[in-house]
Each structure stands twice: as C-alpha cells, then as structure tokens.
Amino acid sequence: VQLVESGGGLVQSGGSLRLSCAASGFTFRRYAMSWYRQAPGKERELVAVITSSGGTTNYVDSVKGRFTISRDNAKSTVYLEMNSLKLEDTAVYYCHRDFGDYWGQGTQVTVSS
C-alpha cells in the first residue's frame, strides 16, 4: 500500500489549494479514505472522510462549507479541495486508509496573512 500526497504549498488567507493523494498497491475503489491534518504542537485531527463509492462524505465542523473531499476511483486518487483558507488551516495534511491504518508522507499547507 502506498499513498502519495501532493498539492500543498504556501497560500494567502482566503485562497485555495487542491490536495491530491495517489494510491497504489490495493484495490482503491473498495476502501473509504480520509484526510487528516496536524498543526504544530497539536494532535493529528480528522478533516474529512469519503466512502468507497464517494456517495457519502463527512467533515470536521471547522472546515464544513470550505473543504470538499472527492475521489476518482478510475485514477485511484482522493482529493481535498480547500477554499477560503484560514491561518488556522496551516498544517501537514495526510492521506489515510482506515482499514489497515495506512498513511501517506504528508504535504505541508501554510496559510499566510
């Protein structure tokens, strides 16, 4: 199992970024996927979850209405579209497969004022 995140970077407050997580080594369409984040000095937190079909999504309250998780099972990729970014969204963002507890290496998102 391999999960590789990309798309992080430096963005101004109010801006947007789209994270991608390319999965390999397993049958992607069979598994729910999640995005987590960890800010400096804080615990890792669940940001968004999407079911295997993509039909159901859930978000932490702090990102509802701003972030959108989606997936393309044909490309074995899960995305996190982040809009109206705030300073407090600064963190390392991780892709995760719950079953088996697999993690990507993370991608840094930094929001500046």
Protein backbone atom coordinates (compact mmCIF):
# COMPACT_ATOMS: atom_id res chain seq x y z
CA VAL A 1 0.00 0.00 0.00
CA GLN A 2 1.34 3.40 -0.97
CA LEU A 3 -0.28 6.79 -0.52
CA VAL A 4 1.43 9.84 -2.02
CA GLU A 5 0.10 13.32 -1.32
CA SER A 6 0.77 16.39 -3.42
CA GLY A 7 -0.56 19.89 -3.92
CA GLY A 8 0.45 21.56 -0.70
CA GLY A 9 2.15 24.92 -0.58
CA LEU A 10 2.03 28.49 0.63
CA VAL A 11 -1.18 30.43 0.08
CA GLN A 12 -2.61 33.68 1.37
CA SER A 13 -5.55 33.75 3.70
CA GLY A 14 -8.75 33.42 1.70
CA GLY A 15 -7.02 31.48 -1.05
CA SER A 16 -7.48 27.95 -2.32
CA LEU A 17 -5.50 24.77 -2.73
CA ARG A 18 -6.29 21.32 -4.04
CA LEU A 19 -4.56 18.36 -2.47
CA SER A 20 -4.26 15.02 -4.22
CA CYS A 21 -3.46 11.58 -2.86
CA ALA A 22 -2.44 8.95 -5.36
CA ALA A 23 -2.99 5.43 -4.06
CA SER A 24 -1.41 2.21 -5.21
CA GLY A 25 -0.91 -1.36 -4.07
CA PHE A 26 -4.53 -2.09 -3.30
CA THR A 27 -8.00 -2.02 -4.87
CA PHE A 28 -8.73 1.61 -4.24
CA ARG A 29 -12.44 1.54 -5.04
CA ARG A 30 -13.11 -0.85 -2.14
CA TYR A 31 -11.95 1.45 0.66
CA ALA A 32 -13.12 4.57 2.40
CA MET A 33 -10.43 7.24 2.53
CA SER A 34 -9.71 10.15 4.81
CA TRP A 35 -7.70 13.33 5.09
CA TYR A 36 -6.12 14.25 8.42
CA ARG A 37 -4.02 17.23 9.42
CA GLN A 38 -1.55 18.03 12.14
CA ALA A 39 -0.67 21.58 13.10
CA PRO A 40 2.49 22.41 15.05
CA GLY A 41 2.11 21.47 18.71
CA LYS A 42 -1.30 19.89 18.16
CA GLU A 43 -2.64 16.39 17.79
CA ARG A 44 -3.47 14.99 14.41
CA GLU A 45 -7.14 15.52 13.60
CA LEU A 46 -9.56 14.03 11.12
CA VAL A 47 -10.57 16.58 8.49
CA ALA A 48 -12.74 14.68 6.02
CA VAL A 49 -13.87 11.17 5.12
CA ILE A 50 -15.31 9.74 1.93
CA THR A 51 -16.88 6.32 1.45
CA SER A 52 -15.59 3.85 -1.11
CA SER A 53 -18.18 4.87 -3.71
CA GLY A 54 -17.83 8.55 -2.95
CA GLY A 55 -21.51 8.74 -2.11
CA THR A 56 -21.08 9.91 1.48
CA THR A 57 -18.71 12.46 2.94
CA ASN A 58 -18.18 13.88 6.40
CA TYR A 59 -16.17 16.82 7.67
CA VAL A 60 -14.89 18.27 10.90
CA ASP A 61 -17.00 21.28 11.80
CA SER A 62 -14.16 23.75 11.31
CA VAL A 63 -13.92 23.05 7.56
CA LYS A 64 -17.57 22.48 6.65
CA GLY A 65 -18.59 24.66 3.75
CA ARG A 66 -14.96 25.39 2.83
CA PHE A 67 -13.39 22.00 2.09
CA THR A 68 -14.60 19.29 -0.26
CA ILE A 69 -13.34 15.71 -0.34
CA SER A 70 -13.80 13.75 -3.54
CA ARG A 71 -12.34 10.75 -5.30
CA ASP A 72 -11.74 9.33 -8.75
CA ASN A 73 -11.75 5.57 -8.46
CA ALA A 74 -10.57 5.18 -12.05
CA LYS A 75 -7.44 7.12 -11.15
CA SER A 76 -7.08 5.72 -7.61
CA THR A 77 -6.90 9.25 -6.30
CA VAL A 78 -8.59 11.12 -3.50
CA TYR A 79 -8.72 14.92 -3.42
CA LEU A 80 -9.22 17.66 -0.89
CA GLU A 81 -10.37 20.95 -2.33
CA MET A 82 -9.72 23.71 0.19
CA ASN A 83 -11.29 27.14 -0.25
CA SER A 84 -11.43 30.26 1.91
CA LEU A 85 -8.31 29.11 3.69
CA LYS A 86 -7.60 30.50 7.14
CA LEU A 87 -4.42 30.86 9.15
CA GLU A 88 -5.59 28.03 11.39
CA ASP A 89 -5.67 25.64 8.43
CA THR A 90 -1.87 25.65 8.42
CA ALA A 91 -0.77 22.05 8.99
CA VAL A 92 0.70 18.98 7.43
CA TYR A 93 -2.09 17.16 5.63
CA TYR A 94 -2.10 13.38 5.46
CA CYS A 95 -3.99 10.91 3.34
CA HIS A 96 -5.20 7.84 5.25
CA ARG A 97 -6.79 4.48 4.64
CA ASP A 98 -8.58 3.43 7.80
CA PHE A 99 -8.56 -0.30 7.17
CA GLY A 100 -5.03 -1.33 7.99
CA ASP A 101 -4.10 2.19 9.17
CA TYR A 102 -2.04 3.31 6.20
CA TRP A 103 -0.67 6.86 5.94
CA GLY A 104 0.94 8.99 3.31
CA GLN A 105 4.04 11.06 3.96
CA GLY A 106 2.09 14.29 4.27
CA THR A 107 2.07 17.57 2.41
CA GLN A 108 2.59 20.96 4.06
CA VAL A 109 -0.08 23.62 3.76
CA THR A 110 0.86 27.06 5.02
CA VAL A 111 -1.64 29.90 5.06
CA SER A 112 -0.21 33.39 5.42
CA SER A 113 -1.90 36.66 6.31
